[in-house]
Amino acid sequence: MRDVWIDTDPAIGVPKCDVDDGLALIQAFHSPELCIRGVSAVFGNAPLSKAFPIAREIVERFGPPGLSVYAGASAATDLGRSTDATRALASALEERRTTILALGPVTNVATLLQQRPELASRIESIVVVAARRPGQRFFSCESQPIPFPDFNFECDPDGMRVLLDSPPPLVFAPWELSSHVWITGEDLDRLARESASGTYVAESARSWLALWETDLQAPGFNPFDTLAVGVLTHPDWVEGFDARVWIEEGAPDRPAVEADGAAAPRLEERKPYLVADASGLDRPGARPARYCFRPRTAFKEMLLERLAREAPGRS
């Protein structure tokens, strides 16, 4: 079993917010390849004031008995500030070498590396849901009007810079990896029939699925963070390459949004991009990492089975 710490920004149950962190937590708890040593919450898909209790609820319902959840950063400005999450993660690393699964903005993990650099050698690897290939835009379907952002990275680019400048091995499980997997209404119906865990997933994901079907005219939704769990449980099922990763500035790939939600033209504005490429060996500031981009088709069936599985001692 691989010892894993999960840092996450769950919003499952919050209207019009991502459900994939919640699904990834349940998937991880139902994966015999993993021993989950702790869970920390961070801002992102939902404010920390919502993400933290959501994480606790999922752990209480589906996690192993006695597993604790710790509150971390509430904003990118908390980078470098000690929290319950960073202190607990430091204690876990002092006890044993651990893999960190970073499902949200990396503020908590970056703060740990800033405050306790001597613990970097205790990190087996950090799996991060972020990054893109050069020039890549995040369109999951042809009818999608506006590309997705590289959300976790864009929430805290400075935190990502800390990771890129730190020694632990980095593995990126980006949008591209999840774009090959679709969860449909039929899949949710199946989950609802199979178990109490499956029913919880199906009921929680209905509104998220409806948003994709209505706004994007998509056949389902991409279960983003679940692919990062799959990188740990089934590494042979995930195709990737050894890359160099860096941050560069470029023109915005999404329109500006006014306070009322209306799109507005941008004026000579630039934004950071987290870029991974196999040909960036000589690029100044680039560091080595693993970039994952395509799962086996068997991944989806495995995911559905684990979402419906009941953990030992639970029903």
Protein backbone atom coordinates (compact mmCIF):
# COMPACT_ATOMS: atom_id res chain seq x y z
CA MET A 1 0.00 0.00 0.00
CA ARG A 2 1.14 3.51 -0.79
CA ASP A 3 0.97 6.06 2.05
CA VAL A 4 -0.92 9.11 0.77
CA TRP A 5 -1.93 12.52 2.11
CA ILE A 6 -4.81 14.19 0.24
CA ASP A 7 -4.97 17.98 0.02
CA THR A 8 -8.30 18.95 -1.50
CA ASP A 9 -10.87 21.68 -2.17
CA PRO A 10 -14.17 19.74 -2.26
CA ALA A 11 -17.37 21.49 -3.29
CA ILE A 12 -19.63 18.48 -3.82
CA GLY A 13 -23.14 19.48 -2.76
CA VAL A 14 -22.60 23.18 -3.47
CA PRO A 15 -24.86 24.22 -6.39
CA LYS A 16 -23.04 24.66 -9.72
CA CYS A 17 -19.69 23.63 -8.23
CA ASP A 18 -17.37 20.77 -9.15
CA VAL A 19 -18.06 17.36 -7.67
CA ASP A 20 -14.80 15.71 -8.74
CA ASP A 21 -12.89 16.30 -5.48
CA GLY A 22 -15.66 14.52 -3.59
CA LEU A 23 -15.61 11.66 -6.07
CA ALA A 24 -11.82 11.46 -5.84
CA LEU A 25 -11.94 11.23 -2.05
CA ILE A 26 -14.45 8.37 -2.15
CA GLN A 27 -12.44 6.65 -4.89
CA ALA A 28 -9.26 6.94 -2.81
CA PHE A 29 -10.94 5.59 0.32
CA HIS A 30 -12.20 2.60 -1.69
CA SER A 31 -8.78 1.87 -3.25
CA PRO A 32 -6.86 -0.94 -1.53
CA GLU A 33 -3.63 0.27 -3.14
CA LEU A 34 -3.68 3.40 -0.96
CA CYS A 35 -3.37 4.04 2.77
CA ILE A 36 -4.77 7.53 3.38
CA ARG A 37 -2.81 9.08 6.25
CA GLY A 38 -4.60 12.41 6.39
CA VAL A 39 -6.81 14.90 4.56
CA SER A 40 -6.40 18.66 4.47
CA ALA A 41 -8.75 21.25 3.03
CA VAL A 42 -7.83 24.30 0.98
CA PHE A 43 -9.75 27.09 -0.73
CA GLY A 44 -10.58 26.65 -4.41
CA ASN A 45 -13.75 25.14 -5.81
CA ALA A 46 -15.47 26.43 -2.68
CA PRO A 47 -14.40 28.84 0.08
CA LEU A 48 -12.53 27.12 2.89
CA SER A 49 -15.55 27.73 5.15
CA LYS A 50 -17.48 25.30 2.92
CA ALA A 51 -14.69 23.03 1.70
CA PHE A 52 -13.55 22.08 5.20
CA PRO A 53 -16.94 20.81 6.49
CA ILE A 54 -17.57 19.06 3.17
CA ALA A 55 -14.25 17.24 3.51
CA ARG A 56 -15.11 16.24 7.08
CA GLU A 57 -18.51 14.96 6.02
CA ILE A 58 -17.04 12.79 3.25
CA VAL A 59 -14.36 11.42 5.56
CA GLU A 60 -16.93 10.61 8.24
CA ARG A 61 -19.21 8.88 5.74
CA PHE A 62 -16.70 7.06 3.57
CA GLY A 63 -13.21 7.30 5.06
CA PRO A 64 -11.42 4.90 7.38
CA PRO A 65 -12.29 5.22 11.07
CA GLY A 66 -10.18 7.76 12.93
CA LEU A 67 -9.01 9.68 9.87
CA SER A 68 -8.68 13.41 10.62
CA VAL A 69 -9.29 16.44 8.41
CA TYR A 70 -7.32 19.66 8.84
CA ALA A 71 -8.14 23.20 7.70
CA GLY A 72 -5.53 24.97 5.62
CA ALA A 73 -5.25 28.09 3.48
CA SER A 74 -8.33 30.20 2.86
CA ALA A 75 -6.67 32.23 0.06
CA ALA A 76 -3.46 32.42 -1.94
CA THR A 77 -2.36 35.20 0.41
CA ASP A 78 -2.03 32.51 3.11
CA LEU A 79 1.06 31.16 1.33
CA GLY A 80 3.75 30.90 3.99
CA ARG A 81 1.30 31.03 6.91
CA SER A 82 1.21 28.05 9.23
CA THR A 83 -2.18 26.32 9.56
CA ASP A 84 -3.56 23.16 11.11
CA ALA A 85 -3.12 21.54 7.71
CA THR A 86 0.56 22.37 7.31
CA ARG A 87 1.36 21.36 10.89
CA ALA A 88 -0.46 18.04 10.52
CA LEU A 89 1.18 17.31 7.17
CA ALA A 90 4.59 18.03 8.69
CA SER A 91 3.89 15.59 11.52
CA ALA A 92 2.79 12.93 9.05
CA LEU A 93 5.98 13.33 7.02
CA GLU A 94 8.12 13.14 10.15
CA GLU A 95 6.49 9.79 10.86
CA ARG A 96 6.91 8.23 7.39
CA ARG A 97 7.61 8.99 3.75
CA THR A 98 4.36 9.91 2.02
CA THR A 99 2.97 10.78 -1.39
CA ILE A 100 0.96 14.00 -1.51
CA LEU A 101 -2.11 14.12 -3.73
CA ALA A 102 -2.74 17.83 -4.40
CA LEU A 103 -6.28 18.08 -5.78
CA GLY A 104 -6.72 21.84 -5.30
CA PRO A 105 -4.57 24.98 -5.23
CA VAL A 106 -1.15 24.02 -3.88
CA THR A 107 -0.99 26.70 -1.16
CA ASN A 108 -0.91 24.22 1.74
CA VAL A 109 1.78 22.05 0.16
CA ALA A 110 3.89 25.05 -0.88
CA THR A 111 3.69 26.50 2.62
CA LEU A 112 4.95 23.23 4.08
CA LEU A 113 7.92 23.28 1.69
CA GLN A 114 8.68 26.90 2.61
CA GLN A 115 8.48 26.36 6.35
CA ARG A 116 9.95 22.86 6.60
CA PRO A 117 12.31 22.40 3.64
CA GLU A 118 14.08 19.58 5.47
CA LEU A 119 10.93 17.48 5.02
CA ALA A 120 11.13 17.59 1.22
CA SER A 121 13.13 14.36 1.25
CA ARG A 122 10.24 12.70 3.10
CA ILE A 123 7.89 13.31 0.16
CA GLU A 124 7.78 10.38 -2.26
CA SER A 125 6.16 12.56 -4.90
CA ILE A 126 3.52 15.26 -5.32
CA VAL A 127 0.72 14.52 -7.77
CA VAL A 128 -0.78 17.81 -8.95
CA VAL A 129 -3.96 18.46 -10.93
CA ALA A 130 -2.61 21.22 -13.18
CA ALA A 131 -0.46 22.06 -16.24
CA ARG A 132 -0.89 22.06 -20.01
CA ARG A 133 1.10 21.56 -23.17
CA PRO A 134 2.35 24.66 -25.02
CA GLY A 135 -0.55 26.55 -26.58
CA GLN A 136 -3.15 24.07 -25.34
CA ARG A 137 -6.67 25.35 -24.56
CA PHE A 138 -9.05 23.42 -22.35
CA PHE A 139 -12.04 22.56 -24.55
CA SER A 140 -13.71 19.30 -23.52
CA CYS A 141 -16.23 19.33 -26.39
CA GLU A 142 -16.74 21.20 -29.66
CA SER A 143 -19.80 23.05 -28.36
CA GLN A 144 -17.92 24.53 -25.38
CA PRO A 145 -17.92 28.34 -25.82
CA ILE A 146 -15.08 29.27 -23.44
CA PRO A 147 -12.13 27.08 -22.42
CA PHE A 148 -11.74 25.98 -18.83
CA PRO A 149 -9.01 27.68 -16.82
CA ASP A 150 -6.09 25.75 -15.38
CA PHE A 151 -7.97 26.38 -12.17
CA ASN A 152 -5.74 25.01 -9.43
CA PHE A 153 -2.64 26.66 -10.87
CA GLU A 154 -4.32 30.00 -11.57
CA CYS A 155 -5.63 30.18 -7.99
CA ASP A 156 -2.04 30.33 -6.69
CA PRO A 157 0.77 30.66 -9.25
CA ASP A 158 3.23 31.69 -6.52
CA GLY A 159 2.53 28.47 -4.66
CA MET A 160 3.29 26.51 -7.82
CA ARG A 161 6.57 28.37 -8.19
CA VAL A 162 7.53 27.07 -4.75
CA LEU A 163 6.82 23.49 -5.89
CA LEU A 164 8.82 23.95 -9.09
CA ASP A 165 11.77 25.23 -7.06
CA SER A 166 11.60 22.34 -4.56
CA PRO A 167 13.21 18.89 -4.86
CA PRO A 168 10.27 16.43 -4.49
CA PRO A 169 9.35 14.60 -7.71
CA LEU A 170 6.31 16.14 -9.41
CA VAL A 171 3.66 14.30 -11.39
CA PHE A 172 1.03 16.31 -13.26
CA ALA A 173 -2.46 14.90 -13.87
CA PRO A 174 -3.87 17.77 -15.95
CA TRP A 175 -7.13 18.57 -17.70
CA GLU A 176 -5.88 16.69 -20.78
CA LEU A 177 -5.78 13.42 -18.84
CA SER A 178 -9.37 13.75 -17.61
CA SER A 179 -10.73 14.97 -20.94
CA HIS A 180 -10.81 11.37 -22.21
CA VAL A 181 -13.29 10.21 -19.53
CA TRP A 182 -17.00 11.06 -19.45
CA ILE A 183 -19.49 10.39 -16.65
CA THR A 184 -23.01 10.30 -18.08
CA GLY A 185 -26.54 10.19 -16.76
CA GLU A 186 -26.61 6.44 -17.39
CA ASP A 187 -23.50 6.07 -15.25
CA LEU A 188 -25.15 7.95 -12.38
CA ASP A 189 -28.26 5.78 -12.73
CA ARG A 190 -26.08 2.69 -12.45
CA LEU A 191 -24.31 4.01 -9.36
CA ALA A 192 -27.63 4.83 -7.70
CA ARG A 193 -28.76 1.22 -8.15
CA GLU A 194 -25.63 -0.40 -6.80
CA SER A 195 -24.99 0.88 -3.28
CA ALA A 196 -25.45 3.60 -0.69
CA SER A 197 -22.10 5.06 -1.72
CA GLY A 198 -23.17 5.05 -5.35
CA THR A 199 -26.47 6.69 -4.45
CA TYR A 200 -24.64 9.50 -2.65
CA VAL A 201 -22.43 10.09 -5.69
CA ALA A 202 -25.36 10.01 -8.11
CA GLU A 203 -27.53 12.37 -6.09
CA SER A 204 -24.64 14.79 -5.51
CA ALA A 205 -23.58 14.85 -9.17
CA ARG A 206 -26.98 15.33 -10.87
CA SER A 207 -26.91 19.13 -10.83
CA TRP A 208 -23.28 19.22 -12.00
CA LEU A 209 -24.14 16.91 -14.89
CA ALA A 210 -27.13 19.09 -15.78
CA LEU A 211 -24.87 22.15 -15.91
CA TRP A 212 -22.53 20.47 -18.40
CA GLU A 213 -25.43 19.22 -20.50
CA THR A 214 -27.14 22.63 -20.57
CA ASP A 215 -24.27 25.11 -20.72
CA LEU A 216 -21.76 23.05 -22.73
CA GLN A 217 -24.14 20.70 -24.55
CA ALA A 218 -21.78 17.95 -23.45
CA PRO A 219 -22.60 14.23 -23.18
CA GLY A 220 -21.57 14.18 -19.54
CA PHE A 221 -18.83 15.64 -17.36
CA ASN A 222 -15.10 15.00 -17.01
CA PRO A 223 -14.28 13.68 -13.49
CA PHE A 224 -11.08 15.73 -13.25
CA ASP A 225 -9.46 14.82 -9.91
CA THR A 226 -10.34 11.14 -10.06
CA LEU A 227 -7.66 10.70 -12.72
CA ALA A 228 -5.02 11.89 -10.25
CA VAL A 229 -6.06 9.10 -7.89
CA GLY A 230 -5.82 6.69 -10.82
CA VAL A 231 -2.23 7.80 -11.44
CA LEU A 232 -1.41 6.35 -7.99
CA THR A 233 -3.60 3.24 -8.02
CA HIS A 234 -3.05 2.19 -11.65
CA PRO A 235 0.12 3.89 -12.93
CA ASP A 236 0.44 1.37 -15.76
CA TRP A 237 -2.97 2.49 -17.04
CA VAL A 238 -1.85 6.08 -17.55
CA GLU A 239 0.21 7.18 -20.53
CA GLY A 240 2.64 10.02 -19.96
CA PHE A 241 6.09 11.35 -20.73
CA ASP A 242 9.07 12.83 -18.94
CA ALA A 243 8.70 16.57 -19.34
CA ARG A 244 10.22 19.88 -18.42
CA VAL A 245 7.79 22.20 -16.68
CA TRP A 246 7.89 25.97 -16.35
CA ILE A 247 5.73 29.06 -15.87
CA GLU A 248 5.48 31.58 -18.68
CA GLU A 249 3.47 34.72 -19.36
CA GLY A 250 1.06 34.96 -22.27
CA ALA A 251 -2.09 36.54 -23.60
CA PRO A 252 -5.29 35.54 -21.78
CA ASP A 253 -7.09 32.49 -23.17
CA ARG A 254 -10.44 33.43 -21.62
CA PRO A 255 -12.50 36.64 -21.77
CA ALA A 256 -12.61 38.92 -18.78
CA VAL A 257 -15.72 38.68 -16.63
CA GLU A 258 -17.39 41.69 -15.06
CA ALA A 259 -19.00 41.60 -11.62
CA ASP A 260 -22.41 40.95 -13.19
CA GLY A 261 -21.06 37.89 -15.00
CA ALA A 262 -20.90 39.52 -18.44
CA ALA A 263 -17.84 38.98 -20.62
CA ALA A 264 -15.72 42.06 -21.28
CA PRO A 265 -12.81 42.70 -23.65
CA ARG A 266 -9.33 42.51 -22.17
CA LEU A 267 -6.85 45.38 -22.47
CA GLU A 268 -3.22 44.36 -22.93
CA GLU A 269 -3.43 41.96 -20.01
CA ARG A 270 -1.23 38.91 -19.58
CA LYS A 271 -1.50 35.87 -17.38
CA PRO A 272 0.77 33.05 -16.20
CA TYR A 273 0.62 29.57 -17.73
CA LEU A 274 2.01 26.34 -16.29
CA VAL A 275 3.53 24.59 -19.30
CA ALA A 276 4.88 21.06 -19.73
CA ASP A 277 6.76 19.85 -22.78
CA ALA A 278 9.22 17.08 -23.62
CA SER A 279 11.24 19.48 -25.77
CA GLY A 280 11.95 22.05 -23.04
CA LEU A 281 15.26 20.54 -21.92
CA ASP A 282 17.27 23.69 -22.47
CA ARG A 283 14.65 26.17 -21.32
CA PRO A 284 15.88 28.34 -18.41
CA GLY A 285 13.91 27.73 -15.23
CA ALA A 286 12.29 24.49 -16.43
CA ARG A 287 12.41 21.51 -14.12
CA PRO A 288 11.84 17.79 -14.75
CA ALA A 289 8.44 16.25 -14.00
CA ARG A 290 6.09 13.56 -15.26
CA TYR A 291 3.19 14.71 -17.44
CA CYS A 292 0.23 12.32 -17.80
CA PHE A 293 -2.11 12.75 -20.74
CA ARG A 294 -4.19 9.65 -21.53
CA PRO A 295 -5.73 6.82 -19.46
CA ARG A 296 -6.69 3.38 -20.63
CA THR A 297 -10.34 2.97 -21.52
CA ALA A 298 -10.60 0.53 -18.58
CA PHE A 299 -10.16 3.45 -16.16
CA LYS A 300 -13.82 4.48 -16.27
CA GLU A 301 -15.15 1.06 -15.35
CA MET A 302 -12.68 0.84 -12.48
CA LEU A 303 -13.73 4.30 -11.28
CA LEU A 304 -17.44 3.44 -11.32
CA GLU A 305 -16.81 0.21 -9.46
CA ARG A 306 -14.85 1.99 -6.74
CA LEU A 307 -17.36 4.80 -6.36
CA ALA A 308 -20.02 2.16 -5.73
CA ARG A 309 -17.86 0.02 -3.46
CA GLU A 310 -18.50 0.13 0.27
CA ALA A 311 -15.45 0.49 2.48
CA PRO A 312 -14.84 -2.34 4.98
CA GLY A 313 -17.06 -1.99 8.02
CA ARG A 314 -19.40 0.49 6.33
CA SER A 315 -22.74 0.11 4.59
